[in-house]
Amino acid sequence: MREAIRHLQKTDPILGGIINRVGDYRIEFREPEFATLVRSIVYQQLSGRVASVIFGRLAKAVGGQLTPENILKLRPGRMRTLGLSAQKTAYIRDLARHTRDGRVVFEELGVLSDEEVIERLTMVKGIGVWTAHMFLIFALRRPNILPTGDLGIRSAIRKAWGMPELPKPVEIETLAKSWHPYCTVASWYLWRSLEGDAKL
Protein backbone atom coordinates (compact mmCIF):
# COMPACT_ATOMS: atom_id res chain seq x y z
CA MET A 1 0.00 0.00 0.00
CA ARG A 2 2.91 2.34 0.69
CA GLU A 3 3.93 1.95 -2.95
CA ALA A 4 0.45 3.03 -4.14
CA ILE A 5 0.46 6.09 -1.87
CA ARG A 6 4.01 7.08 -2.89
CA HIS A 7 3.01 6.76 -6.56
CA LEU A 8 -0.06 8.98 -6.13
CA GLN A 9 1.82 11.60 -4.09
CA LYS A 10 4.61 11.74 -6.66
CA THR A 11 2.45 11.88 -9.80
CA ASP A 12 -0.33 14.21 -8.59
CA PRO A 13 0.51 17.05 -6.17
CA ILE A 14 -3.17 17.94 -5.54
CA LEU A 15 -4.05 14.34 -4.67
CA GLY A 16 -0.82 14.19 -2.64
CA GLY A 17 -2.10 17.10 -0.55
CA ILE A 18 -5.39 15.26 0.07
CA ILE A 19 -3.49 12.12 1.13
CA ASN A 20 -1.37 14.11 3.58
CA ARG A 21 -4.48 15.74 5.05
CA VAL A 22 -6.61 12.58 5.33
CA GLY A 23 -3.84 10.33 6.70
CA ASP A 24 -3.70 6.54 6.72
CA TYR A 25 -5.54 4.42 4.16
CA ARG A 26 -8.17 2.42 6.07
CA ILE A 27 -10.64 1.03 3.57
CA GLU A 28 -13.20 -1.42 5.03
CA PHE A 29 -13.98 -4.41 2.84
CA ARG A 30 -17.06 -6.64 2.68
CA GLU A 31 -17.44 -10.23 1.56
CA PRO A 32 -17.99 -10.77 -2.19
CA GLU A 33 -21.36 -12.46 -1.70
CA PHE A 34 -25.08 -12.14 -2.39
CA ALA A 35 -25.83 -10.27 0.86
CA THR A 36 -23.28 -7.55 0.01
CA LEU A 37 -24.94 -6.84 -3.32
CA VAL A 38 -28.40 -6.81 -1.70
CA ARG A 39 -27.00 -4.25 0.75
CA SER A 40 -25.74 -2.11 -2.16
CA ILE A 41 -29.21 -2.10 -3.72
CA VAL A 42 -30.83 -1.12 -0.41
CA TYR A 43 -28.33 1.74 0.02
CA GLN A 44 -28.86 3.22 -3.46
CA GLN A 45 -29.98 6.88 -3.22
CA LEU A 46 -30.65 6.74 0.53
CA SER A 47 -28.83 8.23 3.49
CA GLY A 48 -26.65 5.71 5.28
CA ARG A 49 -28.74 5.88 8.46
CA VAL A 50 -32.07 5.19 6.74
CA ALA A 51 -30.58 2.46 4.53
CA SER A 52 -29.00 0.78 7.57
CA VAL A 53 -32.39 0.56 9.32
CA ILE A 54 -34.11 -0.92 6.25
CA PHE A 55 -31.29 -3.38 5.62
CA GLY A 56 -31.46 -4.45 9.28
CA ARG A 57 -35.20 -5.09 8.99
CA LEU A 58 -34.68 -7.14 5.82
CA ALA A 59 -31.97 -9.24 7.45
CA LYS A 60 -34.21 -9.83 10.47
CA ALA A 61 -37.16 -10.83 8.25
CA VAL A 62 -35.07 -13.68 6.79
CA GLY A 63 -33.71 -14.79 10.17
CA GLY A 64 -30.29 -13.27 9.55
CA GLN A 65 -29.71 -15.52 6.53
CA LEU A 66 -29.73 -13.33 3.43
CA THR A 67 -29.87 -16.01 0.74
CA PRO A 68 -31.66 -15.98 -2.63
CA GLU A 69 -34.05 -18.68 -1.40
CA ASN A 70 -34.98 -16.76 1.75
CA ILE A 71 -35.52 -13.52 -0.18
CA LEU A 72 -37.82 -15.28 -2.65
CA LYS A 73 -39.83 -16.79 0.22
CA LEU A 74 -40.76 -13.23 1.29
CA ARG A 75 -43.77 -11.83 -0.53
CA PRO A 76 -43.13 -8.52 -2.33
CA GLY A 77 -45.79 -6.90 -0.12
CA ARG A 78 -43.91 -8.00 2.98
CA MET A 79 -40.68 -6.54 1.60
CA ARG A 80 -42.50 -3.24 1.04
CA THR A 81 -43.56 -3.12 4.71
CA LEU A 82 -39.85 -3.26 5.65
CA GLY A 83 -39.35 0.10 3.94
CA LEU A 84 -38.19 -1.05 0.51
CA SER A 85 -39.66 0.72 -2.51
CA ALA A 86 -41.49 -1.33 -5.14
CA GLN A 87 -38.52 -0.77 -7.45
CA LYS A 88 -35.89 -1.96 -4.97
CA THR A 89 -38.06 -4.95 -4.04
CA ALA A 90 -38.13 -5.90 -7.73
CA TYR A 91 -34.35 -5.40 -8.05
CA ILE A 92 -33.52 -7.56 -5.02
CA ARG A 93 -35.87 -10.30 -6.18
CA ASP A 94 -34.33 -10.20 -9.68
CA LEU A 95 -30.85 -10.56 -8.15
CA ALA A 96 -32.12 -13.49 -6.05
CA ARG A 97 -33.50 -15.22 -9.18
CA HIS A 98 -30.28 -14.60 -11.15
CA THR A 99 -28.25 -16.06 -8.26
CA ARG A 100 -30.56 -19.03 -7.65
CA ASP A 101 -30.59 -19.90 -11.35
CA GLY A 102 -26.80 -19.70 -11.70
CA ARG A 103 -26.68 -16.63 -13.96
CA VAL A 104 -24.73 -14.77 -11.28
CA VAL A 105 -22.27 -17.04 -9.44
CA PHE A 106 -20.49 -15.07 -6.72
CA GLU A 107 -17.75 -17.69 -6.36
CA GLU A 108 -16.77 -17.10 -10.02
CA LEU A 109 -16.58 -13.30 -9.91
CA GLY A 110 -13.15 -13.22 -8.28
CA VAL A 111 -11.44 -14.72 -11.35
CA LEU A 112 -13.20 -12.50 -13.91
CA SER A 113 -11.76 -9.25 -15.26
CA ASP A 114 -13.23 -5.95 -14.05
CA GLU A 115 -15.11 -5.57 -17.35
CA GLU A 116 -16.52 -9.11 -17.13
CA VAL A 117 -17.73 -8.52 -13.56
CA ILE A 118 -19.48 -5.32 -14.65
CA GLU A 119 -21.08 -7.13 -17.60
CA ARG A 120 -22.26 -10.02 -15.39
CA LEU A 121 -23.70 -7.83 -12.62
CA THR A 122 -25.41 -5.26 -14.83
CA MET A 123 -27.56 -8.03 -16.33
CA VAL A 124 -29.55 -7.77 -13.09
CA LYS A 125 -32.34 -5.18 -12.97
CA GLY A 126 -31.35 -2.19 -10.87
CA ILE A 127 -27.62 -2.91 -10.89
CA GLY A 128 -25.85 -0.30 -12.95
CA VAL A 129 -22.19 0.45 -13.48
CA TRP A 130 -21.97 2.46 -10.22
CA THR A 131 -23.14 -0.51 -8.09
CA ALA A 132 -20.80 -2.83 -9.99
CA HIS A 133 -17.91 -0.42 -9.33
CA MET A 134 -18.71 -0.39 -5.60
CA PHE A 135 -18.74 -4.21 -5.56
CA LEU A 136 -15.38 -4.31 -7.39
CA ILE A 137 -13.86 -1.88 -4.86
CA PHE A 138 -15.36 -2.95 -1.54
CA ALA A 139 -16.01 -6.67 -2.07
CA LEU A 140 -13.61 -7.89 -4.76
CA ARG A 141 -10.86 -5.49 -3.58
CA ARG A 142 -9.79 -4.49 -7.06
CA PRO A 143 -6.97 -1.91 -6.94
CA ASN A 144 -7.63 0.13 -10.07
CA ILE A 145 -11.34 1.09 -10.16
CA LEU A 146 -12.33 4.66 -11.01
CA PRO A 147 -16.09 5.25 -10.48
CA THR A 148 -16.39 8.27 -12.79
CA GLY A 149 -20.17 8.46 -12.31
CA ASP A 150 -19.99 8.69 -8.52
CA LEU A 151 -21.26 12.02 -7.18
CA GLY A 152 -18.79 12.00 -4.27
CA ILE A 153 -15.81 11.51 -6.58
CA ARG A 154 -17.05 14.25 -8.93
CA SER A 155 -17.70 16.65 -6.01
CA ALA A 156 -14.29 15.99 -4.44
CA ILE A 157 -12.50 16.61 -7.74
CA ARG A 158 -14.46 19.79 -8.38
CA LYS A 159 -13.56 21.09 -4.91
CA ALA A 160 -9.87 20.06 -4.90
CA TRP A 161 -9.13 21.16 -8.46
CA GLY A 162 -11.22 24.35 -8.20
CA MET A 163 -13.51 23.53 -11.12
CA PRO A 164 -16.57 25.71 -11.83
CA GLU A 165 -18.85 22.68 -12.19
CA LEU A 166 -18.86 18.94 -11.64
CA PRO A 167 -16.43 17.21 -14.03
CA LYS A 168 -17.79 14.83 -16.65
CA PRO A 169 -16.60 11.19 -16.69
CA VAL A 170 -14.29 11.82 -19.65
CA GLU A 171 -12.66 14.74 -17.80
CA ILE A 172 -12.11 12.53 -14.75
CA GLU A 173 -10.51 9.82 -16.88
CA THR A 174 -8.10 12.38 -18.37
CA LEU A 175 -7.28 13.84 -14.95
CA ALA A 176 -6.74 10.36 -13.48
CA LYS A 177 -4.28 9.05 -16.08
CA SER A 178 -1.38 9.38 -13.65
CA TRP A 179 -3.29 7.54 -10.88
CA HIS A 180 -3.16 4.15 -12.63
CA PRO A 181 -2.77 1.39 -11.46
CA TYR A 182 -4.08 2.68 -8.10
CA CYS A 183 -7.37 4.41 -8.94
CA THR A 184 -9.18 2.64 -6.08
CA VAL A 185 -6.79 4.17 -3.54
CA ALA A 186 -7.19 7.60 -5.17
CA SER A 187 -11.00 7.21 -5.09
CA TRP A 188 -11.00 6.33 -1.39
CA TYR A 189 -8.95 9.43 -0.57
CA LEU A 190 -11.28 11.61 -2.65
CA TRP A 191 -14.30 10.29 -0.73
CA ARG A 192 -12.55 10.86 2.58
CA SER A 193 -11.63 14.41 1.60
CA LEU A 194 -15.37 15.22 1.62
CA GLU A 195 -16.46 13.18 4.63
CA GLY A 196 -13.88 12.93 7.35
CA ASP A 197 -15.97 10.47 9.34
CA ALA A 198 -17.39 8.46 6.42
CA LYS A 199 -17.25 4.73 7.04
CA LEU A 200 -15.70 3.75 3.72
C-alpha atoms as a PDB file:
ATOM      1  CA  MET A   1       0.000   0.000   0.000  1.00  0.00           C
ATOM      2  CA  ARG A   2       2.908   2.337   0.692  1.00  0.00           C
ATOM      3  CA  GLU A   3       3.932   1.948  -2.953  1.00  0.00           C
ATOM      4  CA  ALA A   4       0.452   3.035  -4.136  1.00  0.00           C
ATOM      5  CA  ILE A   5       0.456   6.090  -1.875  1.00  0.00           C
ATOM      6  CA  ARG A   6       4.007   7.078  -2.889  1.00  0.00           C
ATOM      7  CA  HIS A   7       3.007   6.762  -6.561  1.00  0.00           C
ATOM      8  CA  LEU A   8      -0.062   8.984  -6.133  1.00  0.00           C
ATOM      9  CA  GLN A   9       1.818  11.597  -4.092  1.00  0.00           C
ATOM     10  CA  LYS A  10       4.607  11.736  -6.658  1.00  0.00           C
ATOM     11  CA  THR A  11       2.450  11.878  -9.797  1.00  0.00           C
ATOM     12  CA  ASP A  12      -0.328  14.210  -8.591  1.00  0.00           C
ATOM     13  CA  PRO A  13       0.510  17.054  -6.170  1.00  0.00           C
ATOM     14  CA  ILE A  14      -3.171  17.937  -5.538  1.00  0.00           C
ATOM     15  CA  LEU A  15      -4.048  14.340  -4.673  1.00  0.00           C
ATOM     16  CA  GLY A  16      -0.822  14.189  -2.644  1.00  0.00           C
ATOM     17  CA  GLY A  17      -2.097  17.103  -0.550  1.00  0.00           C
ATOM     18  CA  ILE A  18      -5.392  15.263   0.070  1.00  0.00           C
ATOM     19  CA  ILE A  19      -3.490  12.124   1.134  1.00  0.00           C
ATOM     20  CA  ASN A  20      -1.370  14.113   3.581  1.00  0.00           C
ATOM     21  CA  ARG A  21      -4.481  15.744   5.054  1.00  0.00           C
ATOM     22  CA  VAL A  22      -6.606  12.576   5.328  1.00  0.00           C
ATOM     23  CA  GLY A  23      -3.837  10.333   6.695  1.00  0.00           C
ATOM     24  CA  ASP A  24      -3.696   6.536   6.722  1.00  0.00           C
ATOM     25  CA  TYR A  25      -5.537   4.423   4.156  1.00  0.00           C
ATOM     26  CA  ARG A  26      -8.166   2.424   6.066  1.00  0.00           C
ATOM     27  CA  ILE A  27     -10.641   1.025   3.568  1.00  0.00           C
ATOM     28  CA  GLU A  28     -13.203  -1.415   5.027  1.00  0.00           C
ATOM     29  CA  PHE A  29     -13.979  -4.409   2.844  1.00  0.00           C
ATOM     30  CA  ARG A  30     -17.059  -6.636   2.678  1.00  0.00           C
ATOM     31  CA  GLU A  31     -17.445 -10.230   1.564  1.00  0.00           C
ATOM     32  CA  PRO A  32     -17.986 -10.771  -2.190  1.00  0.00           C
ATOM     33  CA  GLU A  33     -21.359 -12.456  -1.699  1.00  0.00           C
ATOM     34  CA  PHE A  34     -25.077 -12.143  -2.392  1.00  0.00           C
ATOM     35  CA  ALA A  35     -25.830 -10.267   0.860  1.00  0.00           C
ATOM     36  CA  THR A  36     -23.280  -7.555   0.012  1.00  0.00           C
ATOM     37  CA  LEU A  37     -24.943  -6.837  -3.324  1.00  0.00           C
ATOM     38  CA  VAL A  38     -28.400  -6.809  -1.695  1.00  0.00           C
ATOM     39  CA  ARG A  39     -26.999  -4.246   0.748  1.00  0.00           C
ATOM     40  CA  SER A  40     -25.735  -2.108  -2.163  1.00  0.00           C
ATOM     41  CA  ILE A  41     -29.210  -2.097  -3.723  1.00  0.00           C
ATOM     42  CA  VAL A  42     -30.832  -1.122  -0.407  1.00  0.00           C
ATOM     43  CA  TYR A  43     -28.330   1.737   0.023  1.00  0.00           C
ATOM     44  CA  GLN A  44     -28.856   3.220  -3.461  1.00  0.00           C
ATOM     45  CA  GLN A  45     -29.977   6.878  -3.215  1.00  0.00           C
ATOM     46  CA  LEU A  46     -30.648   6.738   0.533  1.00  0.00           C
ATOM     47  CA  SER A  47     -28.830   8.234   3.490  1.00  0.00           C
ATOM     48  CA  GLY A  48     -26.652   5.707   5.281  1.00  0.00           C
ATOM     49  CA  ARG A  49     -28.736   5.876   8.456  1.00  0.00           C
ATOM     50  CA  VAL A  50     -32.073   5.188   6.742  1.00  0.00           C
ATOM     51  CA  ALA A  51     -30.580   2.463   4.534  1.00  0.00           C
ATOM     52  CA  SER A  52     -29.002   0.780   7.567  1.00  0.00           C
ATOM     53  CA  VAL A  53     -32.391   0.561   9.323  1.00  0.00           C
ATOM     54  CA  ILE A  54     -34.109  -0.917   6.245  1.00  0.00           C
ATOM     55  CA  PHE A  55     -31.288  -3.385   5.619  1.00  0.00           C
ATOM     56  CA  GLY A  56     -31.456  -4.450   9.280  1.00  0.00           C
ATOM     57  CA  ARG A  57     -35.199  -5.087   8.986  1.00  0.00           C
ATOM     58  CA  LEU A  58     -34.684  -7.140   5.816  1.00  0.00           C
ATOM     59  CA  ALA A  59     -31.968  -9.242   7.450  1.00  0.00           C
ATOM     60  CA  LYS A  60     -34.205  -9.827  10.471  1.00  0.00           C
ATOM     61  CA  ALA A  61     -37.156 -10.828   8.248  1.00  0.00           C
ATOM     62  CA  VAL A  62     -35.070 -13.675   6.792  1.00  0.00           C
ATOM     63  CA  GLY A  63     -33.707 -14.786  10.169  1.00  0.00           C
ATOM     64  CA  GLY A  64     -30.290 -13.270   9.551  1.00  0.00           C
ATOM     65  CA  GLN A  65     -29.709 -15.518   6.533  1.00  0.00           C
ATOM     66  CA  LEU A  66     -29.729 -13.329   3.428  1.00  0.00           C
ATOM     67  CA  THR A  67     -29.873 -16.008   0.743  1.00  0.00           C
ATOM     68  CA  PRO A  68     -31.665 -15.983  -2.628  1.00  0.00           C
ATOM     69  CA  GLU A  69     -34.052 -18.678  -1.402  1.00  0.00           C
ATOM     70  CA  ASN A  70     -34.978 -16.755   1.753  1.00  0.00           C
ATOM     71  CA  ILE A  71     -35.516 -13.519  -0.182  1.00  0.00           C
ATOM     72  CA  LEU A  72     -37.816 -15.284  -2.653  1.00  0.00           C
ATOM     73  CA  LYS A  73     -39.835 -16.785   0.217  1.00  0.00           C
ATOM     74  CA  LEU A  74     -40.762 -13.232   1.292  1.00  0.00           C
ATOM     75  CA  ARG A  75     -43.769 -11.832  -0.532  1.00  0.00           C
ATOM     76  CA  PRO A  76     -43.125  -8.522  -2.334  1.00  0.00           C
ATOM     77  CA  GLY A  77     -45.794  -6.903  -0.120  1.00  0.00           C
ATOM     78  CA  ARG A  78     -43.913  -7.998   2.982  1.00  0.00           C
ATOM     79  CA  MET A  79     -40.678  -6.538   1.600  1.00  0.00           C
ATOM     80  CA  ARG A  80     -42.498  -3.237   1.042  1.00  0.00           C
ATOM     81  CA  THR A  81     -43.559  -3.121   4.710  1.00  0.00           C
ATOM     82  CA  LEU A  82     -39.851  -3.256   5.653  1.00  0.00           C
ATOM     83  CA  GLY A  83     -39.345   0.101   3.943  1.00  0.00           C
ATOM     84  CA  LEU A  84     -38.192  -1.055   0.507  1.00  0.00           C
ATOM     85  CA  SER A  85     -39.660   0.720  -2.512  1.00  0.00           C
ATOM     86  CA  ALA A  86     -41.489  -1.326  -5.142  1.00  0.00           C
ATOM     87  CA  GLN A  87     -38.517  -0.767  -7.445  1.00  0.00           C
ATOM     88  CA  LYS A  88     -35.886  -1.964  -4.967  1.00  0.00           C
ATOM     89  CA  THR A  89     -38.056  -4.949  -4.041  1.00  0.00           C
ATOM     90  CA  ALA A  90     -38.129  -5.897  -7.735  1.00  0.00           C
ATOM     91  CA  TYR A  91     -34.353  -5.403  -8.052  1.00  0.00           C
ATOM     92  CA  ILE A  92     -33.520  -7.557  -5.015  1.00  0.00           C
ATOM     93  CA  ARG A  93     -35.874 -10.298  -6.184  1.00  0.00           C
ATOM     94  CA  ASP A  94     -34.332 -10.196  -9.679  1.00  0.00           C
ATOM     95  CA  LEU A  95     -30.849 -10.564  -8.147  1.00  0.00           C
ATOM     96  CA  ALA A  96     -32.124 -13.486  -6.054  1.00  0.00           C
ATOM     97  CA  ARG A  97     -33.499 -15.223  -9.181  1.00  0.00           C
ATOM     98  CA  HIS A  98     -30.277 -14.600 -11.148  1.00  0.00           C
ATOM     99  CA  THR A  99     -28.253 -16.065  -8.259  1.00  0.00           C
ATOM    100  CA  ARG A 100     -30.564 -19.027  -7.647  1.00  0.00           C
ATOM    101  CA  ASP A 101     -30.594 -19.904 -11.351  1.00  0.00           C
ATOM    102  CA  GLY A 102     -26.801 -19.702 -11.701  1.00  0.00           C
ATOM    103  CA  ARG A 103     -26.685 -16.632 -13.959  1.00  0.00           C
ATOM    104  CA  VAL A 104     -24.729 -14.767 -11.276  1.00  0.00           C
ATOM    105  CA  VAL A 105     -22.272 -17.039  -9.437  1.00  0.00           C
ATOM    106  CA  PHE A 106     -20.495 -15.065  -6.723  1.00  0.00           C
ATOM    107  CA  GLU A 107     -17.754 -17.688  -6.364  1.00  0.00           C
ATOM    108  CA  GLU A 108     -16.770 -17.097 -10.018  1.00  0.00           C
ATOM    109  CA  LEU A 109     -16.581 -13.295  -9.909  1.00  0.00           C
ATOM    110  CA  GLY A 110     -13.152 -13.216  -8.284  1.00  0.00           C
ATOM    111  CA  VAL A 111     -11.444 -14.716 -11.347  1.00  0.00           C
ATOM    112  CA  LEU A 112     -13.196 -12.498 -13.910  1.00  0.00           C
ATOM    113  CA  SER A 113     -11.764  -9.247 -15.258  1.00  0.00           C
ATOM    114  CA  ASP A 114     -13.227  -5.945 -14.046  1.00  0.00           C
ATOM    115  CA  GLU A 115     -15.108  -5.573 -17.347  1.00  0.00           C
ATOM    116  CA  GLU A 116     -16.524  -9.109 -17.128  1.00  0.00           C
ATOM    117  CA  VAL A 117     -17.732  -8.519 -13.558  1.00  0.00           C
ATOM    118  CA  ILE A 118     -19.484  -5.316 -14.651  1.00  0.00           C
ATOM    119  CA  GLU A 119     -21.077  -7.129 -17.598  1.00  0.00           C
ATOM    120  CA  ARG A 120     -22.263 -10.016 -15.388  1.00  0.00           C
ATOM    121  CA  LEU A 121     -23.701  -7.832 -12.619  1.00  0.00           C
ATOM    122  CA  THR A 122     -25.405  -5.256 -14.827  1.00  0.00           C
ATOM    123  CA  MET A 123     -27.556  -8.026 -16.330  1.00  0.00           C
ATOM    124  CA  VAL A 124     -29.547  -7.766 -13.088  1.00  0.00           C
ATOM    125  CA  LYS A 125     -32.342  -5.176 -12.974  1.00  0.00           C
ATOM    126  CA  GLY A 126     -31.354  -2.193 -10.866  1.00  0.00           C
ATOM    127  CA  ILE A 127     -27.620  -2.908 -10.890  1.00  0.00           C
ATOM    128  CA  GLY A 128     -25.847  -0.305 -12.954  1.00  0.00           C
ATOM    129  CA  VAL A 129     -22.187   0.448 -13.481  1.00  0.00           C
ATOM    130  CA  TRP A 130     -21.973   2.457 -10.221  1.00  0.00           C
ATOM    131  CA  THR A 131     -23.139  -0.508  -8.090  1.00  0.00           C
ATOM    132  CA  ALA A 132     -20.795  -2.834  -9.990  1.00  0.00           C
ATOM    133  CA  HIS A 133     -17.908  -0.425  -9.332  1.00  0.00           C
ATOM    134  CA  MET A 134     -18.715  -0.386  -5.602  1.00  0.00           C
ATOM    135  CA  PHE A 135     -18.737  -4.206  -5.563  1.00  0.00           C
ATOM    136  CA  LEU A 136     -15.385  -4.309  -7.388  1.00  0.00           C
ATOM    137  CA  ILE A 137     -13.862  -1.877  -4.864  1.00  0.00           C
ATOM    138  CA  PHE A 138     -15.357  -2.947  -1.537  1.00  0.00           C
ATOM    139  CA  ALA A 139     -16.011  -6.672  -2.069  1.00  0.00           C
ATOM    140  CA  LEU A 140     -13.606  -7.888  -4.756  1.00  0.00           C
ATOM    141  CA  ARG A 141     -10.863  -5.490  -3.581  1.00  0.00           C
ATOM    142  CA  ARG A 142      -9.795  -4.495  -7.065  1.00  0.00           C
ATOM    143  CA  PRO A 143      -6.974  -1.911  -6.937  1.00  0.00           C
ATOM    144  CA  ASN A 144      -7.633   0.126 -10.069  1.00  0.00           C
ATOM    145  CA  ILE A 145     -11.335   1.087 -10.157  1.00  0.00           C
ATOM    146  CA  LEU A 146     -12.332   4.663 -11.014  1.00  0.00           C
ATOM    147  CA  PRO A 147     -16.085   5.250 -10.482  1.00  0.00           C
ATOM    148  CA  THR A 148     -16.391   8.266 -12.790  1.00  0.00           C
ATOM    149  CA  GLY A 149     -20.171   8.455 -12.313  1.00  0.00           C
ATOM    150  CA  ASP A 150     -19.994   8.694  -8.516  1.00  0.00           C
ATOM    151  CA  LEU A 151     -21.263  12.023  -7.177  1.00  0.00           C
ATOM    152  CA  GLY A 152     -18.792  12.000  -4.270  1.00  0.00           C
ATOM    153  CA  ILE A 153     -15.814  11.510  -6.582  1.00  0.00           C
ATOM    154  CA  ARG A 154     -17.048  14.248  -8.925  1.00  0.00           C
ATOM    155  CA  SER A 155     -17.703  16.649  -6.006  1.00  0.00           C
ATOM    156  CA  ALA A 156     -14.285  15.991  -4.442  1.00  0.00           C
ATOM    157  CA  ILE A 157     -12.499  16.610  -7.741  1.00  0.00           C
ATOM    158  CA  ARG A 158     -14.458  19.789  -8.379  1.00  0.00           C
ATOM    159  CA  LYS A 159     -13.556  21.086  -4.914  1.00  0.00           C
ATOM    160  CA  ALA A 160      -9.874  20.061  -4.903  1.00  0.00           C
ATOM    161  CA  TRP A 161      -9.128  21.161  -8.460  1.00  0.00           C
ATOM    162  CA  GLY A 162     -11.222  24.348  -8.202  1.00  0.00           C
ATOM    163  CA  MET A 163     -13.511  23.525 -11.121  1.00  0.00           C
ATOM    164  CA  PRO A 164     -16.569  25.715 -11.827  1.00  0.00           C
ATOM    165  CA  GLU A 165     -18.849  22.682 -12.187  1.00  0.00           C
ATOM    166  CA  LEU A 166     -18.859  18.938 -11.637  1.00  0.00           C
ATOM    167  CA  PRO A 167     -16.430  17.206 -14.026  1.00  0.00           C
ATOM    168  CA  LYS A 168     -17.788  14.835 -16.650  1.00  0.00           C
ATOM    169  CA  PRO A 169     -16.596  11.194 -16.686  1.00  0.00           C
ATOM    170  CA  VAL A 170     -14.292  11.818 -19.655  1.00  0.00           C
ATOM    171  CA  GLU A 171     -12.663  14.744 -17.805  1.00  0.00           C
ATOM    172  CA  ILE A 172     -12.113  12.532 -14.747  1.00  0.00           C
ATOM    173  CA  GLU A 173     -10.513   9.822 -16.877  1.00  0.00           C
ATOM    174  CA  THR A 174      -8.103  12.377 -18.367  1.00  0.00           C
ATOM    175  CA  LEU A 175      -7.284  13.836 -14.949  1.00  0.00           C
ATOM    176  CA  ALA A 176      -6.742  10.363 -13.476  1.00  0.00           C
ATOM    177  CA  LYS A 177      -4.281   9.047 -16.080  1.00  0.00           C
ATOM    178  CA  SER A 178      -1.383   9.383 -13.652  1.00  0.00           C
ATOM    179  CA  TRP A 179      -3.287   7.535 -10.884  1.00  0.00           C
ATOM    180  CA  HIS A 180      -3.162   4.146 -12.632  1.00  0.00           C
ATOM    181  CA  PRO A 181      -2.772   1.390 -11.463  1.00  0.00           C
ATOM    182  CA  TYR A 182      -4.080   2.675  -8.097  1.00  0.00           C
ATOM    183  CA  CYS A 183      -7.374   4.411  -8.936  1.00  0.00           C
ATOM    184  CA  THR A 184      -9.181   2.637  -6.077  1.00  0.00           C
ATOM    185  CA  VAL A 185      -6.789   4.175  -3.538  1.00  0.00           C
ATOM    186  CA  ALA A 186      -7.186   7.597  -5.172  1.00  0.00           C
ATOM    187  CA  SER A 187     -10.997   7.210  -5.090  1.00  0.00           C
ATOM    188  CA  TRP A 188     -11.004   6.330  -1.393  1.00  0.00           C
ATOM    189  CA  TYR A 189      -8.954   9.428  -0.572  1.00  0.00           C
ATOM    190  CA  LEU A 190     -11.276  11.608  -2.653  1.00  0.00           C
ATOM    191  CA  TRP A 191     -14.303  10.288  -0.733  1.00  0.00           C
ATOM    192  CA  ARG A 192     -12.550  10.861   2.579  1.00  0.00           C
ATOM    193  CA  SER A 193     -11.630  14.408   1.595  1.00  0.00           C
ATOM    194  CA  LEU A 194     -15.370  15.225   1.616  1.00  0.00           C
ATOM    195  CA  GLU A 195     -16.462  13.184   4.629  1.00  0.00           C
ATOM    196  CA  GLY A 196     -13.875  12.932   7.346  1.00  0.00           C
ATOM    197  CA  ASP A 197     -15.969  10.469   9.344  1.00  0.00           C
ATOM    198  CA  ALA A 198     -17.385   8.460   6.417  1.00  0.00           C
ATOM    199  CA  LYS A 199     -17.249   4.728   7.037  1.00  0.00           C
ATOM    200  CA  LEU A 200     -15.702   3.746   3.724  1.00  0.00           C
END
